[in-house]
N, C-alpha and C. Protein backbone atom coordinates (compact mmCIF):
# COMPACT_ATOMS: atom_id res chain seq x y z
N MET A 1 87.89 65.95 80.87
CA MET A 1 88.06 66.30 82.28
C MET A 1 88.22 67.81 82.39
N PRO A 2 87.17 68.54 82.64
CA PRO A 2 87.28 70.00 82.74
C PRO A 2 87.99 70.42 84.02
N LEU A 3 88.97 71.28 83.88
CA LEU A 3 89.70 71.76 85.05
C LEU A 3 88.96 72.86 85.79
N SER A 4 87.93 73.43 85.19
CA SER A 4 87.24 74.56 85.80
C SER A 4 86.56 74.21 87.13
N ARG A 5 86.37 72.96 87.42
CA ARG A 5 85.71 72.60 88.69
C ARG A 5 86.70 72.40 89.83
N TYR A 6 87.99 72.56 89.57
CA TYR A 6 89.02 72.36 90.59
C TYR A 6 89.60 73.70 91.03
N HIS A 7 90.03 73.76 92.29
CA HIS A 7 90.70 74.96 92.79
C HIS A 7 92.06 75.10 92.13
N LEU A 8 92.47 76.33 91.94
CA LEU A 8 93.75 76.64 91.33
C LEU A 8 94.61 77.40 92.34
N ARG A 9 95.88 77.08 92.40
CA ARG A 9 96.82 77.74 93.30
C ARG A 9 98.06 78.11 92.51
N ALA A 10 98.56 79.33 92.67
CA ALA A 10 99.80 79.76 92.02
C ALA A 10 100.99 79.20 92.80
N SER A 11 102.04 78.78 92.08
CA SER A 11 103.27 78.30 92.70
C SER A 11 104.39 79.29 92.39
N ILE A 12 105.09 79.71 93.42
CA ILE A 12 106.12 80.74 93.30
C ILE A 12 107.45 80.18 93.80
N ALA A 13 108.44 80.15 92.92
CA ALA A 13 109.78 79.67 93.30
C ALA A 13 110.57 80.81 93.95
N VAL A 14 111.23 80.48 95.06
CA VAL A 14 112.08 81.44 95.76
C VAL A 14 113.45 80.81 96.00
N SER A 15 114.47 81.65 96.12
CA SER A 15 115.83 81.11 96.30
C SER A 15 116.15 80.81 97.76
N ASP A 16 115.47 81.46 98.69
CA ASP A 16 115.74 81.30 100.12
C ASP A 16 114.41 81.34 100.86
N ILE A 17 113.95 80.21 101.32
CA ILE A 17 112.62 80.12 101.93
C ILE A 17 112.52 80.97 103.19
N GLU A 18 113.58 81.09 103.96
CA GLU A 18 113.51 81.90 105.18
C GLU A 18 113.34 83.38 104.85
N ARG A 19 114.05 83.86 103.85
CA ARG A 19 113.87 85.25 103.41
C ARG A 19 112.46 85.44 102.87
N ALA A 20 111.97 84.45 102.12
CA ALA A 20 110.61 84.52 101.57
C ALA A 20 109.58 84.54 102.68
N VAL A 21 109.78 83.77 103.75
CA VAL A 21 108.86 83.75 104.88
C VAL A 21 108.73 85.17 105.45
N GLY A 22 109.85 85.85 105.60
CA GLY A 22 109.82 87.23 106.10
C GLY A 22 108.99 88.14 105.22
N PHE A 23 109.08 87.95 103.91
CA PHE A 23 108.33 88.79 102.98
C PHE A 23 106.85 88.42 102.94
N TYR A 24 106.56 87.16 102.66
CA TYR A 24 105.17 86.74 102.48
C TYR A 24 104.36 86.79 103.77
N GLU A 25 104.98 86.41 104.88
CA GLU A 25 104.27 86.42 106.16
C GLU A 25 104.37 87.78 106.83
N GLY A 26 105.58 88.31 106.90
CA GLY A 26 105.79 89.58 107.60
C GLY A 26 105.32 90.79 106.82
N THR A 27 105.84 90.97 105.62
CA THR A 27 105.53 92.17 104.83
C THR A 27 104.12 92.12 104.25
N LEU A 28 103.76 91.01 103.62
CA LEU A 28 102.44 90.92 102.99
C LEU A 28 101.35 90.47 103.96
N GLY A 29 101.73 89.86 105.08
CA GLY A 29 100.75 89.44 106.08
C GLY A 29 99.91 88.25 105.69
N LEU A 30 100.45 87.37 104.83
CA LEU A 30 99.69 86.19 104.42
C LEU A 30 99.79 85.10 105.49
N PRO A 31 98.68 84.44 105.80
CA PRO A 31 98.72 83.37 106.80
C PRO A 31 99.23 82.06 106.21
N VAL A 32 100.05 81.35 106.99
CA VAL A 32 100.55 80.04 106.58
C VAL A 32 99.47 79.00 106.84
N LEU A 33 99.10 78.27 105.81
CA LEU A 33 98.13 77.19 105.98
C LEU A 33 98.82 75.86 106.19
N ARG A 34 100.03 75.74 105.60
CA ARG A 34 100.74 74.46 105.66
C ARG A 34 102.21 74.71 105.28
N SER A 35 103.10 73.95 105.88
CA SER A 35 104.51 73.98 105.47
C SER A 35 104.98 72.55 105.30
N GLY A 36 106.02 72.40 104.50
CA GLY A 36 106.54 71.06 104.24
C GLY A 36 107.85 71.12 103.47
N PRO A 37 108.30 69.99 102.98
CA PRO A 37 109.56 69.95 102.25
C PRO A 37 109.40 70.46 100.82
N SER A 38 110.51 70.85 100.23
CA SER A 38 110.57 71.23 98.82
C SER A 38 111.78 70.53 98.24
N ALA A 39 111.54 69.54 97.40
CA ALA A 39 112.62 68.71 96.84
C ALA A 39 113.46 68.15 98.00
N HIS A 40 114.70 68.61 98.14
CA HIS A 40 115.59 68.11 99.18
C HIS A 40 115.73 69.08 100.35
N VAL A 41 114.83 70.08 100.43
CA VAL A 41 114.92 71.09 101.48
C VAL A 41 113.80 70.86 102.48
N ALA A 42 114.17 70.38 103.67
CA ALA A 42 113.16 70.20 104.72
C ALA A 42 112.60 71.57 105.09
N GLY A 43 111.29 71.70 105.18
CA GLY A 43 110.69 72.99 105.50
C GLY A 43 110.83 74.01 104.39
N GLY A 44 111.05 73.55 103.17
CA GLY A 44 111.33 74.45 102.04
C GLY A 44 110.11 74.94 101.30
N SER A 45 108.91 74.69 101.80
CA SER A 45 107.72 75.20 101.10
C SER A 45 106.68 75.65 102.10
N ARG A 46 105.84 76.58 101.66
CA ARG A 46 104.73 77.08 102.46
C ARG A 46 103.54 77.24 101.53
N VAL A 47 102.36 76.96 102.04
CA VAL A 47 101.12 77.29 101.35
C VAL A 47 100.49 78.43 102.13
N TYR A 48 100.25 79.54 101.45
CA TYR A 48 99.68 80.73 102.06
C TYR A 48 98.23 80.90 101.64
N GLY A 49 97.44 81.39 102.58
CA GLY A 49 96.04 81.65 102.31
C GLY A 49 95.82 83.09 101.90
N SER A 50 94.79 83.29 101.08
CA SER A 50 94.36 84.63 100.69
C SER A 50 92.95 84.51 100.15
N GLY A 51 92.09 85.42 100.53
CA GLY A 51 90.72 85.39 100.06
C GLY A 51 89.90 84.24 100.60
N GLY A 52 90.31 83.67 101.72
CA GLY A 52 89.54 82.61 102.34
C GLY A 52 89.96 81.20 101.99
N GLY A 53 91.01 81.04 101.22
CA GLY A 53 91.46 79.69 100.87
C GLY A 53 92.91 79.68 100.49
N PRO A 54 93.46 78.50 100.18
CA PRO A 54 94.85 78.42 99.74
C PRO A 54 95.04 79.18 98.44
N ALA A 55 96.09 79.97 98.36
CA ALA A 55 96.29 80.82 97.19
C ALA A 55 97.68 80.70 96.58
N LEU A 56 98.72 80.65 97.42
CA LEU A 56 100.09 80.62 96.93
C LEU A 56 100.86 79.47 97.53
N ASN A 57 101.53 78.73 96.69
CA ASN A 57 102.48 77.71 97.12
C ASN A 57 103.86 78.31 96.87
N VAL A 58 104.58 78.64 97.92
CA VAL A 58 105.92 79.25 97.81
C VAL A 58 106.93 78.18 98.19
N TYR A 59 107.87 77.92 97.29
CA TYR A 59 108.82 76.84 97.52
C TYR A 59 110.22 77.23 97.09
N GLN A 60 111.21 76.69 97.78
CA GLN A 60 112.61 76.97 97.47
C GLN A 60 113.02 76.19 96.24
N SER A 61 113.65 76.90 95.28
CA SER A 61 114.04 76.29 94.03
C SER A 61 115.13 77.11 93.35
N ALA A 62 115.96 76.44 92.58
CA ALA A 62 117.00 77.12 91.80
C ALA A 62 116.40 77.95 90.67
N THR A 63 115.13 77.78 90.36
CA THR A 63 114.51 78.52 89.26
C THR A 63 113.87 79.83 89.72
N ALA A 64 114.12 80.25 90.93
CA ALA A 64 113.48 81.44 91.49
C ALA A 64 113.76 82.70 90.67
N GLY A 65 112.72 83.49 90.47
CA GLY A 65 112.86 84.80 89.84
C GLY A 65 113.28 84.77 88.38
N LYS A 66 113.03 83.71 87.67
CA LYS A 66 113.50 83.58 86.29
C LYS A 66 112.56 84.17 85.25
N THR A 67 111.37 84.60 85.64
CA THR A 67 110.45 85.17 84.67
C THR A 67 110.09 86.61 85.05
N PRO A 68 110.05 87.51 84.06
CA PRO A 68 109.64 88.88 84.35
C PRO A 68 108.11 89.06 84.33
N ALA A 69 107.38 88.01 83.99
CA ALA A 69 105.93 88.09 83.89
C ALA A 69 105.27 88.20 85.26
N THR A 70 104.07 88.77 85.28
CA THR A 70 103.28 88.81 86.50
C THR A 70 102.79 87.41 86.81
N LEU A 71 103.07 86.92 88.02
CA LEU A 71 102.74 85.55 88.40
C LEU A 71 101.39 85.40 89.08
N ALA A 72 100.94 86.43 89.77
CA ALA A 72 99.64 86.37 90.45
C ALA A 72 99.16 87.80 90.68
N THR A 73 97.85 87.95 90.75
CA THR A 73 97.22 89.26 90.93
C THR A 73 96.19 89.20 92.04
N TRP A 74 96.25 90.18 92.93
CA TRP A 74 95.21 90.34 93.94
C TRP A 74 94.23 91.39 93.42
N TYR A 75 92.94 91.09 93.48
CA TYR A 75 91.90 92.03 93.11
C TYR A 75 91.38 92.64 94.41
N VAL A 76 91.58 93.95 94.56
CA VAL A 76 91.31 94.62 95.83
C VAL A 76 90.19 95.65 95.66
N ASP A 77 89.55 95.99 96.76
CA ASP A 77 88.48 96.98 96.75
C ASP A 77 89.01 98.40 96.69
N ASP A 78 90.08 98.68 97.45
CA ASP A 78 90.63 100.04 97.53
C ASP A 78 92.12 99.97 97.20
N LEU A 79 92.44 100.21 95.95
CA LEU A 79 93.83 100.08 95.49
C LEU A 79 94.75 101.08 96.17
N ASP A 80 94.31 102.33 96.31
CA ASP A 80 95.15 103.34 96.95
C ASP A 80 95.51 102.94 98.38
N GLN A 81 94.52 102.51 99.14
CA GLN A 81 94.76 102.12 100.53
C GLN A 81 95.68 100.90 100.60
N THR A 82 95.46 99.91 99.75
CA THR A 82 96.28 98.70 99.77
C THR A 82 97.73 99.03 99.42
N VAL A 83 97.93 99.86 98.41
CA VAL A 83 99.29 100.28 98.04
C VAL A 83 99.93 101.01 99.20
N ASP A 84 99.20 101.95 99.80
CA ASP A 84 99.76 102.71 100.94
C ASP A 84 100.16 101.79 102.09
N GLU A 85 99.33 100.81 102.40
CA GLU A 85 99.65 99.87 103.49
C GLU A 85 100.88 99.04 103.16
N LEU A 86 101.00 98.59 101.92
CA LEU A 86 102.17 97.80 101.55
C LEU A 86 103.43 98.65 101.52
N VAL A 87 103.33 99.88 101.05
CA VAL A 87 104.49 100.78 101.07
C VAL A 87 104.94 101.00 102.52
N ALA A 88 103.99 101.17 103.43
CA ALA A 88 104.33 101.34 104.85
C ALA A 88 105.03 100.10 105.41
N SER A 89 104.77 98.93 104.80
CA SER A 89 105.42 97.69 105.23
C SER A 89 106.75 97.45 104.52
N GLY A 90 107.13 98.36 103.62
CA GLY A 90 108.42 98.24 102.95
C GLY A 90 108.37 97.77 101.51
N VAL A 91 107.18 97.58 100.95
CA VAL A 91 107.07 97.13 99.55
C VAL A 91 107.33 98.32 98.63
N GLU A 92 108.12 98.10 97.59
CA GLU A 92 108.36 99.11 96.57
C GLU A 92 107.61 98.71 95.31
N PHE A 93 106.90 99.67 94.72
CA PHE A 93 106.13 99.39 93.52
C PHE A 93 106.94 99.70 92.27
N ILE A 94 106.75 98.87 91.26
CA ILE A 94 107.50 98.95 90.01
C ILE A 94 106.87 100.01 89.11
N ARG A 95 107.72 100.75 88.45
CA ARG A 95 107.28 101.70 87.43
C ARG A 95 107.92 101.29 86.11
N TYR A 96 107.07 100.98 85.15
CA TYR A 96 107.54 100.59 83.83
C TYR A 96 107.63 101.83 82.94
N GLU A 97 108.75 101.99 82.25
CA GLU A 97 109.01 103.19 81.44
C GLU A 97 107.92 103.45 80.41
N GLN A 98 107.36 102.41 79.82
CA GLN A 98 106.39 102.58 78.74
C GLN A 98 104.98 102.93 79.24
N LEU A 99 104.78 102.98 80.55
CA LEU A 99 103.46 103.25 81.12
C LEU A 99 103.48 104.53 81.95
N GLU A 100 102.32 105.17 82.05
CA GLU A 100 102.18 106.33 82.93
C GLU A 100 101.72 105.85 84.30
N HIS A 101 102.36 106.37 85.34
CA HIS A 101 102.03 105.99 86.72
C HIS A 101 101.73 107.24 87.52
N ASP A 102 100.88 107.10 88.53
CA ASP A 102 100.68 108.21 89.45
C ASP A 102 101.78 108.17 90.51
N ALA A 103 101.69 109.02 91.51
CA ALA A 103 102.74 109.12 92.54
C ALA A 103 102.93 107.82 93.31
N ARG A 104 101.88 106.99 93.40
CA ARG A 104 101.97 105.71 94.12
C ARG A 104 102.54 104.58 93.26
N GLY A 105 102.62 104.80 91.96
CA GLY A 105 103.04 103.72 91.06
C GLY A 105 101.87 103.00 90.43
N ILE A 106 100.68 103.58 90.52
CA ILE A 106 99.47 102.99 89.96
C ILE A 106 99.26 103.50 88.54
N THR A 107 98.86 102.62 87.65
CA THR A 107 98.64 103.00 86.25
C THR A 107 97.24 102.58 85.81
N PRO A 108 96.67 103.30 84.85
CA PRO A 108 95.38 102.86 84.31
C PRO A 108 95.53 101.48 83.67
N ARG A 109 94.52 100.63 83.86
CA ARG A 109 94.54 99.28 83.32
C ARG A 109 93.83 99.28 81.97
N ALA A 110 94.34 98.52 81.04
CA ALA A 110 93.70 98.38 79.74
C ALA A 110 92.27 97.89 79.97
N GLY A 111 91.31 98.54 79.33
CA GLY A 111 89.92 98.13 79.50
C GLY A 111 89.24 98.74 80.70
N GLY A 112 89.93 99.59 81.46
CA GLY A 112 89.34 100.24 82.63
C GLY A 112 89.93 99.71 83.92
N GLY A 113 89.78 100.49 84.97
CA GLY A 113 90.35 100.12 86.26
C GLY A 113 91.79 100.57 86.37
N ARG A 114 92.45 100.13 87.43
CA ARG A 114 93.85 100.51 87.68
C ARG A 114 94.64 99.32 88.19
N ILE A 115 95.97 99.41 88.04
CA ILE A 115 96.85 98.29 88.40
C ILE A 115 98.17 98.84 88.93
N ALA A 116 98.80 98.08 89.84
CA ALA A 116 100.13 98.40 90.36
C ALA A 116 100.89 97.09 90.53
N TRP A 117 102.20 97.12 90.29
CA TRP A 117 103.03 95.92 90.37
C TRP A 117 104.09 96.07 91.44
N PHE A 118 104.44 94.94 92.07
CA PHE A 118 105.56 94.89 93.02
C PHE A 118 106.23 93.53 92.88
N GLN A 119 107.41 93.40 93.49
CA GLN A 119 108.16 92.15 93.42
C GLN A 119 108.52 91.65 94.81
N ASP A 120 108.71 90.32 94.89
CA ASP A 120 109.23 89.74 96.13
C ASP A 120 110.75 89.86 96.09
N PRO A 121 111.47 89.43 97.13
CA PRO A 121 112.93 89.56 97.15
C PRO A 121 113.65 88.84 96.00
N ASP A 122 113.02 87.85 95.36
CA ASP A 122 113.64 87.15 94.24
C ASP A 122 113.30 87.76 92.89
N GLY A 123 112.51 88.81 92.88
CA GLY A 123 112.12 89.44 91.62
C GLY A 123 110.88 88.83 90.99
N ASN A 124 110.16 87.98 91.72
CA ASN A 124 108.88 87.48 91.23
C ASN A 124 107.88 88.64 91.26
N THR A 125 107.17 88.85 90.17
CA THR A 125 106.29 90.01 90.03
C THR A 125 104.84 89.66 90.34
N PHE A 126 104.20 90.53 91.12
CA PHE A 126 102.80 90.41 91.50
C PHE A 126 102.10 91.71 91.15
N ALA A 127 100.78 91.64 91.03
CA ALA A 127 99.99 92.84 90.74
C ALA A 127 98.86 92.98 91.72
N LEU A 128 98.42 94.21 91.86
CA LEU A 128 97.20 94.56 92.57
C LEU A 128 96.32 95.25 91.55
N GLU A 129 95.06 94.86 91.46
CA GLU A 129 94.14 95.49 90.51
C GLU A 129 92.85 95.88 91.20
N ALA A 130 92.23 96.93 90.66
CA ALA A 130 90.91 97.38 91.12
C ALA A 130 90.15 97.92 89.92
N ASP A 131 88.84 97.79 89.99
CA ASP A 131 88.01 98.25 88.88
C ASP A 131 87.80 99.75 88.89
N THR A 132 88.19 100.43 89.98
CA THR A 132 88.03 101.89 90.05
C THR A 132 89.34 102.57 90.34
């Protein structure tokens, strides 16, 4: 049963769904495609669209923010513009000590291109990447 023929959606645990709604909908501007319960929390989950389809399942959970790894990456056409727009919306970009960053927090990507990281209010890490 090959999984490559099925759509894939990232699931992101958050500690407070209402705070997450403010970030994902307000700050990032992602459209809500569906909302529903999460375990025992009525209205504790949202499915957000990106790139023309469902992309993120955000749900309230005690496991929120437990991994330092990048959970999802947006591939964008203009990294500088996207970073500037998110900074204007209140997003802070992460600077890792072991990497060189420009003034925006963008670093060269291994193999070419550039990348920048940011976190949601629970510390879940996301990236923006561009080939130029």
